Amino acid sequence: GGLVPTCGARFTRLAKTIPLENGRVELALDQGVLTGS
C-alpha cells in the first residue's frame, strides 16, 4: 500500500575492521545529525 519516510540521519562513518583472538569486529565512529520533522 506504499511507504512514507519517517525520519533519518546524515553522518560520516569512520570504519575499521579489527581482528580479535576469537573473531573480528568493525569499530565505527559516527558523527553527524539525526533528522525528524
Full PDB file with SEQRES, HELIX, SHEET, SSBOND, CRYST1, ORIGX, SCALE, CONECT and MASTER records, all heavy atoms in Angstrom:
SEQRES   1 A   37  GLY GLY LEU VAL PRO THR CYS GLY ALA ARG PHE THR ARG          
SEQRES   2 A   37  LEU ALA LYS THR ILE PRO LEU GLU ASN GLY ARG VAL GLU          
SEQRES   3 A   37  LEU ALA LEU ASP GLN GLY VAL LEU THR GLY SER                  
SHEET    1 AA1 2 GLY A   8  LEU A  20  0                                        
SHEET    2 AA1 2 GLY A  23  THR A  35 -1                                        
CRYST1    1.000    1.000    1.000  90.00  90.00  90.00 P 1           1          
ORIGX1      1.000000  0.000000  0.000000        0.00000                         
ORIGX2      0.000000  1.000000  0.000000        0.00000                         
ORIGX3      0.000000  0.000000  1.000000        0.00000                         
SCALE1      1.000000  0.000000  0.000000        0.00000                         
SCALE2      0.000000  1.000000  0.000000        0.00000                         
SCALE3      0.000000  0.000000  1.000000        0.00000                         
ATOM      1  N   GLY A   1       0.798  -1.227   0.000  1.00  0.00           N  
ATOM      2  CA  GLY A   1       0.000   0.000   0.000  1.00  0.00           C  
ATOM      3  C   GLY A   1       0.829   1.274   0.000  1.00  0.00           C  
ATOM      4  O   GLY A   1       0.268   2.368  -0.007  1.00  0.00           O  
ATOM      5  N   GLY A   2       2.141   1.131   0.020  1.00  0.00           N  
ATOM      6  CA  GLY A   2       3.012   2.299  -0.023  1.00  0.00           C  
ATOM      7  C   GLY A   2       3.749   2.533   1.284  1.00  0.00           C  
ATOM      8  O   GLY A   2       3.432   1.937   2.314  1.00  0.00           O  
ATOM      9  N   LEU A   3       4.720   3.409   1.202  1.00  0.00           N  
ATOM     10  CA  LEU A   3       5.572   3.727   2.341  1.00  0.00           C  
ATOM     11  C   LEU A   3       5.721   5.232   2.467  1.00  0.00           C  
ATOM     12  O   LEU A   3       5.606   5.957   1.480  1.00  0.00           O  
ATOM     13  CB  LEU A   3       6.961   3.102   2.153  1.00  0.00           C  
ATOM     14  CG  LEU A   3       7.018   1.578   2.164  1.00  0.00           C  
ATOM     15  CD1 LEU A   3       8.336   1.086   1.590  1.00  0.00           C  
ATOM     16  CD2 LEU A   3       6.824   1.062   3.587  1.00  0.00           C  
ATOM     17  N   VAL A   4       6.015   5.677   3.684  1.00  0.00           N  
ATOM     18  CA  VAL A   4       6.284   7.094   3.920  1.00  0.00           C  
ATOM     19  C   VAL A   4       7.598   7.212   4.692  1.00  0.00           C  
ATOM     20  O   VAL A   4       7.903   6.369   5.542  1.00  0.00           O  
ATOM     21  CB  VAL A   4       5.157   7.786   4.716  1.00  0.00           C  
ATOM     22  CG1 VAL A   4       3.891   7.868   3.902  1.00  0.00           C  
ATOM     23  CG2 VAL A   4       4.897   7.080   6.032  1.00  0.00           C  
ATOM     24  N   PRO A   5       8.390   8.248   4.388  1.00  0.00           N  
ATOM     25  CA  PRO A   5       9.592   8.472   5.191  1.00  0.00           C  
ATOM     26  C   PRO A   5       9.182   8.960   6.577  1.00  0.00           C  
ATOM     27  O   PRO A   5       8.252   9.749   6.712  1.00  0.00           O  
ATOM     28  CB  PRO A   5      10.353   9.544   4.412  1.00  0.00           C  
ATOM     29  CG  PRO A   5       9.343  10.196   3.533  1.00  0.00           C  
ATOM     30  CD  PRO A   5       8.244   9.207   3.299  1.00  0.00           C  
ATOM     31  N   THR A   6       9.869   8.469   7.606  1.00  0.00           N  
ATOM     32  CA  THR A   6       9.516   8.841   8.980  1.00  0.00           C  
ATOM     33  C   THR A   6      10.565   9.725   9.650  1.00  0.00           C  
ATOM     34  O   THR A   6      10.215  10.566  10.477  1.00  0.00           O  
ATOM     35  CB  THR A   6       9.305   7.590   9.848  1.00  0.00           C  
ATOM     36  OG1 THR A   6      10.504   6.804   9.830  1.00  0.00           O  
ATOM     37  CG2 THR A   6       8.134   6.764   9.331  1.00  0.00           C  
ATOM     38  N   CYS A   7      11.830   9.498   9.321  1.00  0.00           N  
ATOM     39  CA  CYS A   7      12.925  10.238   9.938  1.00  0.00           C  
ATOM     40  C   CYS A   7      14.212   9.835   9.211  1.00  0.00           C  
ATOM     41  O   CYS A   7      14.151   9.107   8.226  1.00  0.00           O  
ATOM     42  CB  CYS A   7      13.025   9.932  11.439  1.00  0.00           C  
ATOM     43  SG  CYS A   7      13.138   8.171  11.831  1.00  0.00           S  
ATOM     44  N   GLY A   8      15.357  10.290   9.706  1.00  0.00           N  
ATOM     45  CA  GLY A   8      16.586   9.948   9.016  1.00  0.00           C  
ATOM     46  C   GLY A   8      17.837  10.306   9.801  1.00  0.00           C  
ATOM     47  O   GLY A   8      17.781  10.656  10.985  1.00  0.00           O  
ATOM     48  N   ALA A   9      18.953  10.236   9.093  1.00  0.00           N  
ATOM     49  CA  ALA A   9      20.249  10.580   9.669  1.00  0.00           C  
ATOM     50  C   ALA A   9      21.218  10.897   8.539  1.00  0.00           C  
ATOM     51  O   ALA A   9      21.124  10.317   7.453  1.00  0.00           O  
ATOM     52  CB  ALA A   9      20.790   9.428  10.512  1.00  0.00           C  
ATOM     53  N   ARG A  10      22.112  11.843   8.808  1.00  0.00           N  
ATOM     54  CA  ARG A  10      23.231  12.148   7.902  1.00  0.00           C  
ATOM     55  C   ARG A  10      24.497  12.136   8.749  1.00  0.00           C  
ATOM     56  O   ARG A  10      24.567  12.842   9.758  1.00  0.00           O  
ATOM     57  CB  ARG A  10      23.084  13.527   7.275  1.00  0.00           C  
ATOM     58  CG  ARG A  10      21.973  13.680   6.284  1.00  0.00           C  
ATOM     59  CD  ARG A  10      22.012  15.048   5.587  1.00  0.00           C  
ATOM     60  NE  ARG A  10      22.263  16.169   6.473  1.00  0.00           N  
ATOM     61  CZ  ARG A  10      21.327  16.814   7.199  1.00  0.00           C  
ATOM     62  NH1 ARG A  10      20.079  16.416   7.156  1.00  0.00           N  
ATOM     63  NH2 ARG A  10      21.645  17.841   7.961  1.00  0.00           N  
ATOM     64  N   PHE A  11      25.462  11.316   8.342  1.00  0.00           N  
ATOM     65  CA  PHE A  11      26.663  11.244   9.161  1.00  0.00           C  
ATOM     66  C   PHE A  11      27.848  10.712   8.360  1.00  0.00           C  
ATOM     67  O   PHE A  11      27.686  10.116   7.298  1.00  0.00           O  
ATOM     68  CB  PHE A  11      26.436  10.388  10.411  1.00  0.00           C  
ATOM     69  CG  PHE A  11      25.984   8.975  10.164  1.00  0.00           C  
ATOM     70  CD1 PHE A  11      26.885   7.928  10.193  1.00  0.00           C  
ATOM     71  CD2 PHE A  11      24.641   8.693   9.937  1.00  0.00           C  
ATOM     72  CE1 PHE A  11      26.467   6.625   9.982  1.00  0.00           C  
ATOM     73  CE2 PHE A  11      24.208   7.395   9.732  1.00  0.00           C  
ATOM     74  CZ  PHE A  11      25.123   6.356   9.752  1.00  0.00           C  
ATOM     75  N   THR A  12      29.009  10.973   8.903  1.00  0.00           N  
ATOM     76  CA  THR A  12      30.238  10.394   8.387  1.00  0.00           C  
ATOM     77  C   THR A  12      30.614   9.248   9.306  1.00  0.00           C  
ATOM     78  O   THR A  12      30.654   9.411  10.529  1.00  0.00           O  
ATOM     79  CB  THR A  12      31.375  11.440   8.369  1.00  0.00           C  
ATOM     80  OG1 THR A  12      30.983  12.521   7.524  1.00  0.00           O  
ATOM     81  CG2 THR A  12      32.668  10.828   7.861  1.00  0.00           C  
ATOM     82  N   ARG A  13      30.859   8.099   8.709  1.00  0.00           N  
ATOM     83  CA  ARG A  13      31.308   6.927   9.476  1.00  0.00           C  
ATOM     84  C   ARG A  13      32.774   6.681   9.159  1.00  0.00           C  
ATOM     85  O   ARG A  13      33.163   6.617   7.994  1.00  0.00           O  
ATOM     86  CB  ARG A  13      30.488   5.695   9.124  1.00  0.00           C  
ATOM     87  CG  ARG A  13      31.090   4.394   9.702  1.00  0.00           C  
ATOM     88  CD  ARG A  13      30.132   3.252   9.616  1.00  0.00           C  
ATOM     89  NE  ARG A  13      29.096   3.449  10.639  1.00  0.00           N  
ATOM     90  CZ  ARG A  13      28.045   2.666  10.775  1.00  0.00           C  
ATOM     91  NH1 ARG A  13      27.852   1.641   9.961  1.00  0.00           N  
ATOM     92  NH2 ARG A  13      27.147   2.907  11.723  1.00  0.00           N  
ATOM     93  N   LEU A  14      33.561   6.568  10.210  1.00  0.00           N  
ATOM     94  CA  LEU A  14      34.929   6.083  10.090  1.00  0.00           C  
ATOM     95  C   LEU A  14      34.900   4.637  10.554  1.00  0.00           C  
ATOM     96  O   LEU A  14      34.481   4.355  11.687  1.00  0.00           O  
ATOM     97  CB  LEU A  14      35.880   6.916  10.944  1.00  0.00           C  
ATOM     98  CG  LEU A  14      35.933   8.407  10.613  1.00  0.00           C  
ATOM     99  CD1 LEU A  14      36.886   9.125  11.559  1.00  0.00           C  
ATOM    100  CD2 LEU A  14      36.336   8.641   9.167  1.00  0.00           C  
ATOM    101  N   ALA A  15      35.282   3.696   9.688  1.00  0.00           N  
ATOM    102  CA  ALA A  15      35.147   2.277   9.994  1.00  0.00           C  
ATOM    103  C   ALA A  15      36.481   1.560   9.828  1.00  0.00           C  
ATOM    104  O   ALA A  15      37.261   1.868   8.927  1.00  0.00           O  
ATOM    105  CB  ALA A  15      34.107   1.643   9.070  1.00  0.00           C  
ATOM    106  N   LYS A  16      36.690   0.602  10.711  1.00  0.00           N  
ATOM    107  CA  LYS A  16      37.907  -0.208  10.646  1.00  0.00           C  
ATOM    108  C   LYS A  16      37.595  -1.597  11.186  1.00  0.00           C  
ATOM    109  O   LYS A  16      36.970  -1.742  12.234  1.00  0.00           O  
ATOM    110  CB  LYS A  16      39.010   0.428  11.481  1.00  0.00           C  
ATOM    111  CG  LYS A  16      40.298  -0.383  11.461  1.00  0.00           C  
ATOM    112  CD  LYS A  16      41.427   0.331  12.126  1.00  0.00           C  
ATOM    113  CE  LYS A  16      42.721  -0.438  11.844  1.00  0.00           C  
ATOM    114  NZ  LYS A  16      43.868   0.392  12.109  1.00  0.00           N  
ATOM    115  N   THR A  17      38.052  -2.624  10.469  1.00  0.00           N  
ATOM    116  CA  THR A  17      37.919  -3.993  10.936  1.00  0.00           C  
ATOM    117  C   THR A  17      39.107  -4.308  11.839  1.00  0.00           C  
ATOM    118  O   THR A  17      40.254  -4.045  11.483  1.00  0.00           O  
ATOM    119  CB  THR A  17      37.871  -4.973   9.753  1.00  0.00           C  
ATOM    120  OG1 THR A  17      36.743  -4.635   8.933  1.00  0.00           O  
ATOM    121  CG2 THR A  17      37.727  -6.406  10.232  1.00  0.00           C  
ATOM    122  N   ILE A  18      38.795  -4.864  12.992  1.00  0.00           N  
ATOM    123  CA  ILE A  18      39.825  -5.175  13.978  1.00  0.00           C  
ATOM    124  C   ILE A  18      39.800  -6.676  14.254  1.00  0.00           C  
ATOM    125  O   ILE A  18      38.774  -7.218  14.691  1.00  0.00           O  
ATOM    126  CB  ILE A  18      39.593  -4.376  15.274  1.00  0.00           C  
ATOM    127  CG1 ILE A  18      39.692  -2.881  14.951  1.00  0.00           C  
ATOM    128  CG2 ILE A  18      40.581  -4.799  16.361  1.00  0.00           C  
ATOM    129  CD1 ILE A  18      39.443  -1.969  16.094  1.00  0.00           C  
ATOM    130  N   PRO A  19      40.918  -7.368  13.969  1.00  0.00           N  
ATOM    131  CA  PRO A  19      40.972  -8.800  14.269  1.00  0.00           C  
ATOM    132  C   PRO A  19      41.117  -9.036  15.772  1.00  0.00           C  
ATOM    133  O   PRO A  19      41.840  -8.316  16.469  1.00  0.00           O  
ATOM    134  CB  PRO A  19      42.221  -9.280  13.516  1.00  0.00           C  
ATOM    135  CG  PRO A  19      43.053  -8.058  13.305  1.00  0.00           C  
ATOM    136  CD  PRO A  19      42.134  -6.873  13.339  1.00  0.00           C  
ATOM    137  N   LEU A  20      40.400 -10.033  16.263  1.00  0.00           N  
ATOM    138  CA  LEU A  20      40.465 -10.435  17.665  1.00  0.00           C  
ATOM    139  C   LEU A  20      40.885 -11.900  17.722  1.00  0.00           C  
ATOM    140  O   LEU A  20      40.881 -12.593  16.704  1.00  0.00           O  
ATOM    141  CB  LEU A  20      39.099 -10.254  18.333  1.00  0.00           C  
ATOM    142  CG  LEU A  20      38.460  -8.871  18.249  1.00  0.00           C  
ATOM    143  CD1 LEU A  20      37.051  -8.910  18.808  1.00  0.00           C  
ATOM    144  CD2 LEU A  20      39.317  -7.851  18.988  1.00  0.00           C  
ATOM    145  N   GLU A  21      41.176 -12.367  18.906  1.00  0.00           N  
ATOM    146  CA  GLU A  21      41.583 -13.769  19.055  1.00  0.00           C  
ATOM    147  C   GLU A  21      40.489 -14.721  18.587  1.00  0.00           C  
ATOM    148  O   GLU A  21      40.763 -15.741  17.965  1.00  0.00           O  
ATOM    149  CB  GLU A  21      41.936 -14.045  20.517  1.00  0.00           C  
ATOM    150  CG  GLU A  21      42.499 -15.427  20.742  1.00  0.00           C  
ATOM    151  CD  GLU A  21      42.950 -15.645  22.165  1.00  0.00           C  
ATOM    152  OE1 GLU A  21      43.474 -14.694  22.780  1.00  0.00           O  
ATOM    153  OE2 GLU A  21      42.775 -16.778  22.659  1.00  0.00           O  
ATOM    154  N   ASN A  22      39.223 -14.383  18.889  1.00  0.00           N  
ATOM    155  CA  ASN A  22      38.105 -15.269  18.531  1.00  0.00           C  
ATOM    156  C   ASN A  22      37.139 -14.615  17.556  1.00  0.00           C  
ATOM    157  O   ASN A  22      35.926 -14.748  17.695  1.00  0.00           O  
ATOM    158  CB  ASN A  22      37.357 -15.702  19.793  1.00  0.00           C  
ATOM    159  CG  ASN A  22      38.203 -16.578  20.680  1.00  0.00           C  
ATOM    160  OD1 ASN A  22      38.865 -17.482  20.194  1.00  0.00           O  
ATOM    161  ND2 ASN A  22      38.209 -16.294  21.967  1.00  0.00           N  
ATOM    162  N   GLY A  23      37.650 -13.878  16.573  1.00  0.00           N  
ATOM    163  CA  GLY A  23      36.780 -13.273  15.580  1.00  0.00           C  
ATOM    164  C   GLY A  23      37.284 -11.934  15.091  1.00  0.00           C  
ATOM    165  O   GLY A  23      38.468 -11.612  15.229  1.00  0.00           O  
ATOM    166  N   ARG A  24      36.355 -11.176  14.514  1.00  0.00           N  
ATOM    167  CA  ARG A  24      36.658  -9.834  14.009  1.00  0.00           C  
ATOM    168  C   ARG A  24      35.485  -8.931  14.326  1.00  0.00           C  
ATOM    169  O   ARG A  24      34.333  -9.358  14.269  1.00  0.00           O  
ATOM    170  CB  ARG A  24      36.837  -9.827  12.480  1.00  0.00           C  
ATOM    171  CG  ARG A  24      38.024 -10.551  11.959  1.00  0.00           C  
ATOM    172  CD  ARG A  24      38.131 -10.492  10.430  1.00  0.00           C  
ATOM    173  NE  ARG A  24      36.894 -10.912   9.776  1.00  0.00           N  
ATOM    174  CZ  ARG A  24      36.212 -10.180   8.881  1.00  0.00           C  
ATOM    175  NH1 ARG A  24      36.630  -9.012   8.501  1.00  0.00           N  
ATOM    176  NH2 ARG A  24      35.095 -10.634   8.359  1.00  0.00           N  
ATOM    177  N   VAL A  25      35.792  -7.671  14.636  1.00  0.00           N  
ATOM    178  CA  VAL A  25      34.749  -6.674  14.834  1.00  0.00           C  
ATOM    179  C   VAL A  25      35.037  -5.487  13.926  1.00  0.00           C  
ATOM    180  O   VAL A  25      36.168  -5.280  13.484  1.00  0.00           O  
ATOM    181  CB  VAL A  25      34.664  -6.182  16.304  1.00  0.00           C  
ATOM    182  CG1 VAL A  25      34.243  -7.303  17.224  1.00  0.00           C  
ATOM    183  CG2 VAL A  25      35.958  -5.535  16.758  1.00  0.00           C  
ATOM    184  N   GLU A  26      33.965  -4.729  13.651  1.00  0.00           N  
ATOM    185  CA  GLU A  26      34.130  -3.447  12.993  1.00  0.00           C  
ATOM    186  C   GLU A  26      33.948  -2.372  14.052  1.00  0.00           C  
ATOM    187  O   GLU A  26      32.947  -2.359  14.763  1.00  0.00           O  
ATOM    188  CB  GLU A  26      33.112  -3.247  11.880  1.00  0.00           C  
ATOM    189  CG  GLU A  26      33.268  -1.887  11.207  1.00  0.00           C  
ATOM    190  CD  GLU A  26      32.238  -1.644  10.134  1.00  0.00           C  
ATOM    191  OE1 GLU A  26      31.101  -1.261  10.476  1.00  0.00           O  
ATOM    192  OE2 GLU A  26      32.576  -1.866   8.955  1.00  0.00           O  
ATOM    193  N   LEU A  27      34.938  -1.503  14.151  1.00  0.00           N  
ATOM    194  CA  LEU A  27      34.846  -0.333  15.009  1.00  0.00           C  
ATOM    195  C   LEU A  27      34.399   0.812  14.125  1.00  0.00           C  
ATOM    196  O   LEU A  27      35.055   1.113  13.124  1.00  0.00           O  
ATOM    197  CB  LEU A  27      36.201  -0.029  15.656  1.00  0.00           C  
ATOM    198  CG  LEU A  27      36.276   1.246  16.499  1.00  0.00           C  
ATOM    199  CD1 LEU A  27      35.294   1.185  17.673  1.00  0.00           C  
ATOM    200  CD2 LEU A  27      37.708   1.467  16.987  1.00  0.00           C  
ATOM    201  N   ALA A  28      33.259   1.421  14.463  1.00  0.00           N  
ATOM    202  CA  ALA A  28      32.706   2.518  13.667  1.00  0.00           C  
ATOM    203  C   ALA A  28      32.550   3.750  14.542  1.00  0.00           C  
ATOM    204  O   ALA A  28      32.017   3.672  15.652  1.00  0.00           O  
ATOM    205  CB  ALA A  28      31.357   2.122  13.071  1.00  0.00           C  
ATOM    206  N   LEU A  29      33.037   4.876  14.032  1.00  0.00           N  
ATOM    207  CA  LEU A  29      32.915   6.164  14.700  1.00  0.00           C  
ATOM    208  C   LEU A  29      31.996   7.019  13.845  1.00  0.00           C  
ATOM    209  O   LEU A  29      32.330   7.342  12.699  1.00  0.00           O  
ATOM    210  CB  LEU A  29      34.285   6.832  14.829  1.00  0.00           C  
ATOM    211  CG  LEU A  29      35.434   5.955  15.339  1.00  0.00           C  
ATOM    212  CD1 LEU A  29      36.738   6.745  15.366  1.00  0.00           C  
ATOM    213  CD2 LEU A  29      35.105   5.374  16.701  1.00  0.00           C  
ATOM    214  N   ASP A  30      30.818   7.357  14.355  1.00  0.00           N  
ATOM    215  CA  ASP A  30      29.803   8.085  13.594  1.00  0.00           C  
ATOM    216  C   ASP A  30      29.648   9.500  14.128  1.00  0.00           C  
ATOM    217  O   ASP A  30      29.491   9.693  15.339  1.00  0.00           O  
ATOM    218  CB  ASP A  30      28.447   7.373  13.677  1.00  0.00           C  
ATOM    219  CG  ASP A  30      28.454   6.010  13.002  1.00  0.00           C  
ATOM    220  OD1 ASP A  30      29.385   5.733  12.218  1.00  0.00           O  
ATOM    221  OD2 ASP A  30      27.532   5.217  13.265  1.00  0.00           O  
ATOM    222  N   GLN A  31      29.654  10.465  13.195  1.00  0.00           N  
ATOM    223  CA  GLN A  31      29.448  11.866  13.566  1.00  0.00           C  
ATOM    224  C   GLN A  31      28.569  12.531  12.518  1.00  0.00           C  
ATOM    225  O   GLN A  31      28.845  12.450  11.328  1.00  0.00           O  
ATOM    226  CB  GLN A  31      30.779  12.606  13.653  1.00  0.00           C  
ATOM    227  CG  GLN A  31      30.607  14.064  14.014  1.00  0.00           C  
ATOM    228  CD  GLN A  31      31.945  14.784  14.150  1.00  0.00           C  
ATOM    229  OE1 GLN A  31      33.002  14.194  14.118  1.00  0.00           O  
ATOM    230  NE2 GLN A  31      31.867  16.088  14.291  1.00  0.00           N  
ATOM    231  N   GLY A  32      27.489  13.168  12.974  1.00  0.00           N  
ATOM    232  CA  GLY A  32      26.579  13.849  12.061  1.00  0.00           C  
ATOM    233  C   GLY A  32      25.351  14.319  12.787  1.00  0.00           C  
ATOM    234  O   GLY A  32      25.438  14.828  13.905  1.00  0.00           O  
ATOM    235  N   VAL A  33      24.171  14.104  12.159  1.00  0.00           N  
ATOM    236  CA  VAL A  33      22.909  14.525  12.758  1.00  0.00           C  
ATOM    237  C   VAL A  33      21.823  13.478  12.525  1.00  0.00           C  
ATOM    238  O   VAL A  33      21.819  12.789  11.511  1.00  0.00           O  
ATOM    239  CB  VAL A  33      22.411  15.892  12.206  1.00  0.00           C  
ATOM    240  CG1 VAL A  33      23.332  17.017  12.619  1.00  0.00           C  
ATOM    241  CG2 VAL A  33      22.233  15.851  10.694  1.00  0.00           C  
ATOM    242  N   LEU A  34      20.922  13.382  13.487  1.00  0.00           N  
ATOM    243  CA  LEU A  34      19.668  12.672  13.315  1.00  0.00           C  
ATOM    244  C   LEU A  34      18.654  13.697  12.836  1.00  0.00           C  
ATOM    245  O   LEU A  34      18.726  14.866  13.232  1.00  0.00           O  
ATOM    246  CB  LEU A  34      19.210  12.058  14.638  1.00  0.00           C  
ATOM    247  CG  LEU A  34      20.161  11.057  15.274  1.00  0.00           C  
ATOM    248  CD1 LEU A  34      19.669  10.671  16.667  1.00  0.00           C  
ATOM    249  CD2 LEU A  34      20.318   9.831  14.402  1.00  0.00           C  
ATOM    250  N   THR A  35      17.700  13.282  11.997  1.00  0.00           N  
ATOM    251  CA  THR A  35      16.729  14.222  11.447  1.00  0.00           C  
ATOM    252  C   THR A  35      15.311  13.685  11.626  1.00  0.00           C  
ATOM    253  O   THR A  35      15.075  12.484  11.556  1.00  0.00           O  
ATOM    254  CB  THR A  35      16.987  14.473   9.949  1.00  0.00           C  
ATOM    255  OG1 THR A  35      16.869  13.229   9.234  1.00  0.00           O  
ATOM    256  CG2 THR A  35      18.377  15.055   9.714  1.00  0.00           C  
ATOM    257  N   GLY A  36      14.388  14.621  11.875  1.00  0.00           N  
ATOM    258  CA  GLY A  36      12.986  14.242  12.003  1.00  0.00           C  
ATOM    259  C   GLY A  36      12.096  15.460  12.079  1.00  0.00           C  
ATOM    260  O   GLY A  36      12.376  16.386  12.841  1.00  0.00           O  
ATOM    261  N   SER A  37      11.078  15.506  11.252  1.00  0.00           N  
ATOM    262  CA  SER A  37      10.098  16.606  11.231  1.00  0.00           C  
ATOM    263  C   SER A  37      10.758  17.977  11.131  1.00  0.00           C  
ATOM    264  O   SER A  37      10.361  18.925  11.808  1.00  0.00           O  
ATOM    265  CB  SER A  37       9.196  16.554  12.472  1.00  0.00           C  
ATOM    266  OG  SER A  37       8.417  15.384  12.454  1.00  0.00           O  
TER     267      SER A  37                                                      
MASTER        0    0    0    0    2    0    0    6  266    1    0    3          
END                                                                             
